Amino acid sequence: MTMKTNDVATLEDDAVQAAAARPQRLLRLPEVMHRVGLKRSAIYQWMSEGRFPKSRSLGPKCAVWVESEVEEWILTVTAFEG
């Protein structure tokens, strides 16, 4: 099955609307690794390449990701696998 660009845009719009309907959560690195199935080094490499959502800094040693951005990334990646 091949997804068209419009199908991907619709999936992304649906993900954004669903995320807006519930409270935002911030995820720490272990949770992000668990959800996406990537190791720390891959996550940071892909972030630097613009292929993964950017983390936010809450302090000198505290990085978090916005849950809705990670979920949207997962939907985008899985949309192209079909």
PDB file of N, CA and C in Angstrom:
ATOM      1  N   MET A   1       0.846  -1.175   0.000  1.00  0.00           N
ATOM      2  CA  MET A   1       0.000   0.000   0.000  1.00  0.00           C
ATOM      3  C   MET A   1       0.892   1.238   0.000  1.00  0.00           C
ATOM      4  N   THR A   2       0.633   2.139  -0.882  1.00  0.00           N
ATOM      5  CA  THR A   2       1.384   3.376  -0.981  1.00  0.00           C
ATOM      6  C   THR A   2       0.525   4.526  -0.498  1.00  0.00           C
ATOM      7  N   MET A   3       1.109   5.329   0.404  1.00  0.00           N
ATOM      8  CA  MET A   3       0.377   6.486   0.914  1.00  0.00           C
ATOM      9  C   MET A   3       0.724   7.700   0.068  1.00  0.00           C
ATOM     10  N   LYS A   4      -0.274   8.477  -0.211  1.00  0.00           N
ATOM     11  CA  LYS A   4      -0.082   9.710  -0.961  1.00  0.00           C
ATOM     12  C   LYS A   4       0.231  10.848   0.011  1.00  0.00           C
ATOM     13  N   THR A   5       0.762  11.912  -0.513  1.00  0.00           N
ATOM     14  CA  THR A   5       1.112  13.068   0.310  1.00  0.00           C
ATOM     15  C   THR A   5      -0.101  13.592   1.064  1.00  0.00           C
ATOM     16  N   ASN A   6      -1.266  13.604   0.432  1.00  0.00           N
ATOM     17  CA  ASN A   6      -2.483  14.086   1.090  1.00  0.00           C
ATOM     18  C   ASN A   6      -2.858  13.201   2.267  1.00  0.00           C
ATOM     19  N   ASP A   7      -2.639  11.878   2.118  1.00  0.00           N
ATOM     20  CA  ASP A   7      -2.936  10.955   3.215  1.00  0.00           C
ATOM     21  C   ASP A   7      -2.049  11.243   4.417  1.00  0.00           C
ATOM     22  N   VAL A   8      -0.771  11.493   4.182  1.00  0.00           N
ATOM     23  CA  VAL A   8       0.166  11.801   5.259  1.00  0.00           C
ATOM     24  C   VAL A   8      -0.221  13.115   5.925  1.00  0.00           C
ATOM     25  N   ALA A   9      -0.581  14.112   5.137  1.00  0.00           N
ATOM     26  CA  ALA A   9      -1.000  15.403   5.688  1.00  0.00           C
ATOM     27  C   ALA A   9      -2.240  15.236   6.557  1.00  0.00           C
ATOM     28  N   THR A  10      -3.177  14.385   6.121  1.00  0.00           N
ATOM     29  CA  THR A  10      -4.387  14.132   6.902  1.00  0.00           C
ATOM     30  C   THR A  10      -4.030  13.458   8.223  1.00  0.00           C
ATOM     31  N   LEU A  11      -3.130  12.473   8.188  1.00  0.00           N
ATOM     32  CA  LEU A  11      -2.694  11.806   9.415  1.00  0.00           C
ATOM     33  C   LEU A  11      -2.043  12.794  10.372  1.00  0.00           C
ATOM     34  N   GLU A  12      -1.202  13.669   9.840  1.00  0.00           N
ATOM     35  CA  GLU A  12      -0.535  14.661  10.677  1.00  0.00           C
ATOM     36  C   GLU A  12      -1.548  15.629  11.274  1.00  0.00           C
ATOM     37  N   ASP A  13      -2.529  16.066  10.495  1.00  0.00           N
ATOM     38  CA  ASP A  13      -3.566  16.964  11.000  1.00  0.00           C
ATOM     39  C   ASP A  13      -4.362  16.287  12.107  1.00  0.00           C
ATOM     40  N   ASP A  14      -4.712  15.005  11.908  1.00  0.00           N
ATOM     41  CA  ASP A  14      -5.447  14.259  12.924  1.00  0.00           C
ATOM     42  C   ASP A  14      -4.631  14.137  14.202  1.00  0.00           C
ATOM     43  N   ALA A  15      -3.325  13.899  14.074  1.00  0.00           N
ATOM     44  CA  ALA A  15      -2.458  13.773  15.244  1.00  0.00           C
ATOM     45  C   ALA A  15      -2.378  15.081  16.009  1.00  0.00           C
ATOM     46  N   VAL A  16      -2.287  16.180  15.283  1.00  0.00           N
ATOM     47  CA  VAL A  16      -2.214  17.499  15.927  1.00  0.00           C
ATOM     48  C   VAL A  16      -3.511  17.795  16.663  1.00  0.00           C
ATOM     49  N   GLN A  17      -4.650  17.496  16.046  1.00  0.00           N
ATOM     50  CA  GLN A  17      -5.941  17.737  16.691  1.00  0.00           C
ATOM     51  C   GLN A  17      -6.114  16.857  17.921  1.00  0.00           C
ATOM     52  N   ALA A  18      -5.703  15.596  17.841  1.00  0.00           N
ATOM     53  CA  ALA A  18      -5.815  14.695  18.983  1.00  0.00           C
ATOM     54  C   ALA A  18      -4.924  15.166  20.122  1.00  0.00           C
ATOM     55  N   ALA A  19      -3.729  15.625  19.794  1.00  0.00           N
ATOM     56  CA  ALA A  19      -2.805  16.111  20.820  1.00  0.00           C
ATOM     57  C   ALA A  19      -3.344  17.373  21.490  1.00  0.00           C
ATOM     58  N   ALA A  20      -3.999  18.224  20.721  1.00  0.00           N
ATOM     59  CA  ALA A  20      -4.537  19.464  21.273  1.00  0.00           C
ATOM     60  C   ALA A  20      -5.702  19.189  22.217  1.00  0.00           C
ATOM     61  N   ALA A  21      -6.365  18.052  22.041  1.00  0.00           N
ATOM     62  CA  ALA A  21      -7.530  17.727  22.843  1.00  0.00           C
ATOM     63  C   ALA A  21      -7.156  17.228  24.237  1.00  0.00           C
ATOM     64  N   ARG A  22      -5.918  16.836  24.452  1.00  0.00           N
ATOM     65  CA  ARG A  22      -5.523  16.332  25.763  1.00  0.00           C
ATOM     66  C   ARG A  22      -4.337  17.160  26.293  1.00  0.00           C
ATOM     67  N   PRO A  23      -4.114  17.121  27.585  1.00  0.00           N
ATOM     68  CA  PRO A  23      -3.026  17.910  28.166  1.00  0.00           C
ATOM     69  C   PRO A  23      -1.663  17.469  27.625  1.00  0.00           C
ATOM     70  N   GLN A  24      -0.757  18.431  27.480  1.00  0.00           N
ATOM     71  CA  GLN A  24       0.588  18.131  27.012  1.00  0.00           C
ATOM     72  C   GLN A  24       1.396  17.494  28.138  1.00  0.00           C
ATOM     73  N   ARG A  25       2.194  16.502  27.764  1.00  0.00           N
ATOM     74  CA  ARG A  25       3.116  15.865  28.703  1.00  0.00           C
ATOM     75  C   ARG A  25       4.520  16.061  28.183  1.00  0.00           C
ATOM     76  N   LEU A  26       5.461  16.089  29.092  1.00  0.00           N
ATOM     77  CA  LEU A  26       6.863  16.139  28.736  1.00  0.00           C
ATOM     78  C   LEU A  26       7.476  14.789  29.052  1.00  0.00           C
ATOM     79  N   LEU A  27       8.235  14.266  28.103  1.00  0.00           N
ATOM     80  CA  LEU A  27       8.826  12.938  28.246  1.00  0.00           C
ATOM     81  C   LEU A  27      10.327  13.044  28.458  1.00  0.00           C
ATOM     82  N   ARG A  28      10.849  12.254  29.374  1.00  0.00           N
ATOM     83  CA  ARG A  28      12.292  12.174  29.577  1.00  0.00           C
ATOM     84  C   ARG A  28      12.859  11.143  28.599  1.00  0.00           C
ATOM     85  N   LEU A  29      14.173  11.142  28.451  1.00  0.00           N
ATOM     86  CA  LEU A  29      14.843  10.305  27.462  1.00  0.00           C
ATOM     87  C   LEU A  29      14.491   8.815  27.558  1.00  0.00           C
ATOM     88  N   PRO A  30      14.486   8.185  28.737  1.00  0.00           N
ATOM     89  CA  PRO A  30      14.147   6.751  28.775  1.00  0.00           C
ATOM     90  C   PRO A  30      12.771   6.435  28.184  1.00  0.00           C
ATOM     91  N   GLU A  31      11.789   7.305  28.435  1.00  0.00           N
ATOM     92  CA  GLU A  31      10.445   7.102  27.878  1.00  0.00           C
ATOM     93  C   GLU A  31      10.444   7.280  26.363  1.00  0.00           C
ATOM     94  N   VAL A  32      11.165   8.286  25.869  1.00  0.00           N
ATOM     95  CA  VAL A  32      11.265   8.505  24.423  1.00  0.00           C
ATOM     96  C   VAL A  32      11.927   7.292  23.767  1.00  0.00           C
ATOM     97  N   MET A  33      13.013   6.797  24.356  1.00  0.00           N
ATOM     98  CA  MET A  33      13.699   5.622  23.814  1.00  0.00           C
ATOM     99  C   MET A  33      12.760   4.420  23.754  1.00  0.00           C
ATOM    100  N   HIS A  34      11.979   4.241  24.796  1.00  0.00           N
ATOM    101  CA  HIS A  34      11.039   3.117  24.842  1.00  0.00           C
ATOM    102  C   HIS A  34       9.962   3.239  23.761  1.00  0.00           C
ATOM    103  N   ARG A  35       9.430   4.436  23.598  1.00  0.00           N
ATOM    104  CA  ARG A  35       8.344   4.641  22.629  1.00  0.00           C
ATOM    105  C   ARG A  35       8.785   4.498  21.176  1.00  0.00           C
ATOM    106  N   VAL A  36       9.979   4.973  20.863  1.00  0.00           N
ATOM    107  CA  VAL A  36      10.400   4.978  19.459  1.00  0.00           C
ATOM    108  C   VAL A  36      11.328   3.826  19.105  1.00  0.00           C
ATOM    109  N   GLY A  37      11.852   3.126  20.093  1.00  0.00           N
ATOM    110  CA  GLY A  37      12.710   1.978  19.817  1.00  0.00           C
ATOM    111  C   GLY A  37      14.097   2.350  19.323  1.00  0.00           C
ATOM    112  N   LEU A  38      14.559   3.540  19.693  1.00  0.00           N
ATOM    113  CA  LEU A  38      15.895   3.982  19.309  1.00  0.00           C
ATOM    114  C   LEU A  38      16.739   4.185  20.554  1.00  0.00           C
ATOM    115  N   LYS A  39      18.046   4.046  20.388  1.00  0.00           N
ATOM    116  CA  LYS A  39      18.977   4.307  21.469  1.00  0.00           C
ATOM    117  C   LYS A  39      19.254   5.804  21.560  1.00  0.00           C
ATOM    118  N   ARG A  40      19.843   6.214  22.664  1.00  0.00           N
ATOM    119  CA  ARG A  40      20.156   7.619  22.920  1.00  0.00           C
ATOM    120  C   ARG A  40      20.961   8.231  21.783  1.00  0.00           C
ATOM    121  N   SER A  41      22.002   7.547  21.346  1.00  0.00           N
ATOM    122  CA  SER A  41      22.878   8.117  20.320  1.00  0.00           C
ATOM    123  C   SER A  41      22.135   8.351  19.008  1.00  0.00           C
ATOM    124  N   ALA A  42      21.235   7.437  18.647  1.00  0.00           N
ATOM    125  CA  ALA A  42      20.459   7.596  17.409  1.00  0.00           C
ATOM    126  C   ALA A  42      19.494   8.774  17.529  1.00  0.00           C
ATOM    127  N   ILE A  43      18.858   8.910  18.681  1.00  0.00           N
ATOM    128  CA  ILE A  43      17.917  10.016  18.885  1.00  0.00           C
ATOM    129  C   ILE A  43      18.639  11.356  18.732  1.00  0.00           C
ATOM    130  N   TYR A  44      19.780  11.498  19.390  1.00  0.00           N
ATOM    131  CA  TYR A  44      20.506  12.764  19.313  1.00  0.00           C
ATOM    132  C   TYR A  44      21.099  13.001  17.919  1.00  0.00           C
ATOM    133  N   GLN A  45      21.537  11.934  17.252  1.00  0.00           N
ATOM    134  CA  GLN A  45      22.046  12.084  15.885  1.00  0.00           C
ATOM    135  C   GLN A  45      20.926  12.554  14.954  1.00  0.00           C
ATOM    136  N   TRP A  46      19.770  11.885  15.035  1.00  0.00           N
ATOM    137  CA  TRP A  46      18.640  12.245  14.180  1.00  0.00           C
ATOM    138  C   TRP A  46      18.138  13.656  14.492  1.00  0.00           C
ATOM    139  N   MET A  47      18.180  14.066  15.775  1.00  0.00           N
ATOM    140  CA  MET A  47      17.801  15.438  16.130  1.00  0.00           C
ATOM    141  C   MET A  47      18.722  16.433  15.436  1.00  0.00           C
ATOM    142  N   SER A  48      20.026  16.156  15.454  1.00  0.00           N
ATOM    143  CA  SER A  48      20.978  17.089  14.837  1.00  0.00           C
ATOM    144  C   SER A  48      20.806  17.152  13.326  1.00  0.00           C
ATOM    145  N   GLU A  49      20.273  16.077  12.730  1.00  0.00           N
ATOM    146  CA  GLU A  49      20.019  16.037  11.289  1.00  0.00           C
ATOM    147  C   GLU A  49      18.632  16.571  10.937  1.00  0.00           C
ATOM    148  N   GLY A  50      17.828  16.916  11.938  1.00  0.00           N
ATOM    149  CA  GLY A  50      16.479  17.414  11.691  1.00  0.00           C
ATOM    150  C   GLY A  50      15.476  16.306  11.383  1.00  0.00           C
ATOM    151  N   ARG A  51      15.818  15.068  11.718  1.00  0.00           N
ATOM    152  CA  ARG A  51      14.947  13.930  11.422  1.00  0.00           C
ATOM    153  C   ARG A  51      14.141  13.462  12.632  1.00  0.00           C
ATOM    154  N   PHE A  52      14.294  14.122  13.769  1.00  0.00           N
ATOM    155  CA  PHE A  52      13.592  13.748  14.995  1.00  0.00           C
ATOM    156  C   PHE A  52      13.265  15.036  15.748  1.00  0.00           C
ATOM    157  N   PRO A  53      12.152  15.056  16.498  1.00  0.00           N
ATOM    158  CA  PRO A  53      11.792  16.283  17.236  1.00  0.00           C
ATOM    159  C   PRO A  53      12.903  16.734  18.177  1.00  0.00           C
ATOM    160  N   LYS A  54      13.056  18.026  18.286  1.00  0.00           N
ATOM    161  CA  LYS A  54      14.067  18.608  19.169  1.00  0.00           C
ATOM    162  C   LYS A  54      13.638  18.484  20.629  1.00  0.00           C
ATOM    163  N   SER A  55      14.617  18.282  21.488  1.00  0.00           N
ATOM    164  CA  SER A  55      14.348  18.256  22.925  1.00  0.00           C
ATOM    165  C   SER A  55      14.300  19.691  23.446  1.00  0.00           C
ATOM    166  N   ARG A  56      13.733  19.836  24.630  1.00  0.00           N
ATOM    167  CA  ARG A  56      13.703  21.130  25.316  1.00  0.00           C
ATOM    168  C   ARG A  56      14.540  20.972  26.585  1.00  0.00           C
ATOM    169  N   SER A  57      15.205  22.000  26.976  1.00  0.00           N
ATOM    170  CA  SER A  57      16.024  21.956  28.182  1.00  0.00           C
ATOM    171  C   SER A  57      15.259  22.562  29.348  1.00  0.00           C
ATOM    172  N   LEU A  58      15.149  21.797  30.428  1.00  0.00           N
ATOM    173  CA  LEU A  58      14.526  22.311  31.648  1.00  0.00           C
ATOM    174  C   LEU A  58      15.580  22.711  32.670  1.00  0.00           C
ATOM    175  N   GLY A  59      16.810  22.465  32.342  1.00  0.00           N
ATOM    176  CA  GLY A  59      17.920  22.781  33.231  1.00  0.00           C
ATOM    177  C   GLY A  59      19.202  22.254  32.629  1.00  0.00           C
ATOM    178  N   PRO A  60      20.319  22.394  33.337  1.00  0.00           N
ATOM    179  CA  PRO A  60      21.601  21.978  32.768  1.00  0.00           C
ATOM    180  C   PRO A  60      21.685  20.488  32.428  1.00  0.00           C
ATOM    181  N   LYS A  61      20.967  19.660  33.159  1.00  0.00           N
ATOM    182  CA  LYS A  61      21.046  18.212  32.915  1.00  0.00           C
ATOM    183  C   LYS A  61      19.659  17.581  32.791  1.00  0.00           C
ATOM    184  N   CYS A  62      18.724  18.329  32.243  1.00  0.00           N
ATOM    185  CA  CYS A  62      17.356  17.817  32.127  1.00  0.00           C
ATOM    186  C   CYS A  62      16.778  18.163  30.757  1.00  0.00           C
ATOM    187  N   ALA A  63      16.753  17.166  29.886  1.00  0.00           N
ATOM    188  CA  ALA A  63      16.169  17.332  28.555  1.00  0.00           C
ATOM    189  C   ALA A  63      14.832  16.599  28.508  1.00  0.00           C
ATOM    190  N   VAL A  64      13.848  17.220  27.862  1.00  0.00           N
ATOM    191  CA  VAL A  64      12.524  16.614  27.709  1.00  0.00           C
ATOM    192  C   VAL A  64      12.044  16.806  26.279  1.00  0.00           C
ATOM    193  N   TRP A  65      11.110  15.962  25.884  1.00  0.00           N
ATOM    194  CA  TRP A  65      10.469  16.066  24.575  1.00  0.00           C
ATOM    195  C   TRP A  65       8.980  16.241  24.802  1.00  0.00           C
ATOM    196  N   VAL A  66       8.329  17.000  23.932  1.00  0.00           N
ATOM    197  CA  VAL A  66       6.882  17.176  24.004  1.00  0.00           C
ATOM    198  C   VAL A  66       6.244  15.905  23.439  1.00  0.00           C
ATOM    199  N   GLU A  67       5.388  15.285  24.226  1.00  0.00           N
ATOM    200  CA  GLU A  67       4.788  14.005  23.869  1.00  0.00           C
ATOM    201  C   GLU A  67       4.099  14.045  22.501  1.00  0.00           C
ATOM    202  N   SER A  68       3.343  15.106  22.236  1.00  0.00           N
ATOM    203  CA  SER A  68       2.606  15.184  20.977  1.00  0.00           C
ATOM    204  C   SER A  68       3.550  15.231  19.776  1.00  0.00           C
ATOM    205  N   GLU A  69       4.714  15.860  19.926  1.00  0.00           N
ATOM    206  CA  GLU A  69       5.681  15.916  18.828  1.00  0.00           C
ATOM    207  C   GLU A  69       6.280  14.538  18.556  1.00  0.00           C
ATOM    208  N   VAL A  70       6.541  13.778  19.614  1.00  0.00           N
ATOM    209  CA  VAL A  70       7.066  12.417  19.454  1.00  0.00           C
ATOM    210  C   VAL A  70       6.003  11.529  18.813  1.00  0.00           C
ATOM    211  N   GLU A  71       4.759  11.644  19.262  1.00  0.00           N
ATOM    212  CA  GLU A  71       3.675  10.849  18.687  1.00  0.00           C
ATOM    213  C   GLU A  71       3.461  11.183  17.214  1.00  0.00           C
ATOM    214  N   GLU A  72       3.533  12.460  16.874  1.00  0.00           N
ATOM    215  CA  GLU A  72       3.377  12.865  15.474  1.00  0.00           C
ATOM    216  C   GLU A  72       4.504  12.279  14.622  1.00  0.00           C
ATOM    217  N   TRP A  73       5.722  12.284  15.160  1.00  0.00           N
ATOM    218  CA  TRP A  73       6.862  11.700  14.451  1.00  0.00           C
ATOM    219  C   TRP A  73       6.631  10.205  14.214  1.00  0.00           C
ATOM    220  N   ILE A  74       6.142   9.502  15.225  1.00  0.00           N
ATOM    221  CA  ILE A  74       5.854   8.064  15.097  1.00  0.00           C
ATOM    222  C   ILE A  74       4.824   7.830  13.992  1.00  0.00           C
ATOM    223  N   LEU A  75       3.750   8.633  13.977  1.00  0.00           N
ATOM    224  CA  LEU A  75       2.720   8.491  12.939  1.00  0.00           C
ATOM    225  C   LEU A  75       3.286   8.751  11.551  1.00  0.00           C
ATOM    226  N   THR A  76       4.145   9.735  11.433  1.00  0.00           N
ATOM    227  CA  THR A  76       4.750  10.068  10.148  1.00  0.00           C
ATOM    228  C   THR A  76       5.631   8.935   9.655  1.00  0.00           C
ATOM    229  N   VAL A  77       6.448   8.383  10.545  1.00  0.00           N
ATOM    230  CA  VAL A  77       7.347   7.286  10.178  1.00  0.00           C
ATOM    231  C   VAL A  77       6.558   6.051   9.783  1.00  0.00           C
ATOM    232  N   THR A  78       5.547   5.700  10.572  1.00  0.00           N
ATOM    233  CA  THR A  78       4.780   4.490  10.278  1.00  0.00           C
ATOM    234  C   THR A  78       3.909   4.651   9.044  1.00  0.00           C
ATOM    235  N   ALA A  79       3.545   5.872   8.692  1.00  0.00           N
ATOM    236  CA  ALA A  79       2.726   6.106   7.491  1.00  0.00           C
ATOM    237  C   ALA A  79       3.482   5.725   6.228  1.00  0.00           C
ATOM    238  N   PHE A  80       4.799   5.872   6.234  1.00  0.00           N
ATOM    239  CA  PHE A  80       5.594   5.572   5.049  1.00  0.00           C
ATOM    240  C   PHE A  80       6.002   4.116   4.960  1.00  0.00           C
ATOM    241  N   GLU A  81       5.769   3.333   6.012  1.00  0.00           N
ATOM    242  CA  GLU A  81       6.166   1.921   6.016  1.00  0.00           C
ATOM    243  C   GLU A  81       5.167   1.019   5.314  1.00  0.00           C
ATOM    244  N   GLY A  82       3.911   1.435   5.226  1.00  0.00           N
ATOM    245  CA  GLY A  82       2.845   0.603   4.677  1.00  0.00           C
ATOM    246  C   GLY A  82       3.090   0.304   3.276  1.00  0.00           C
TER     247      GLY A  82
END
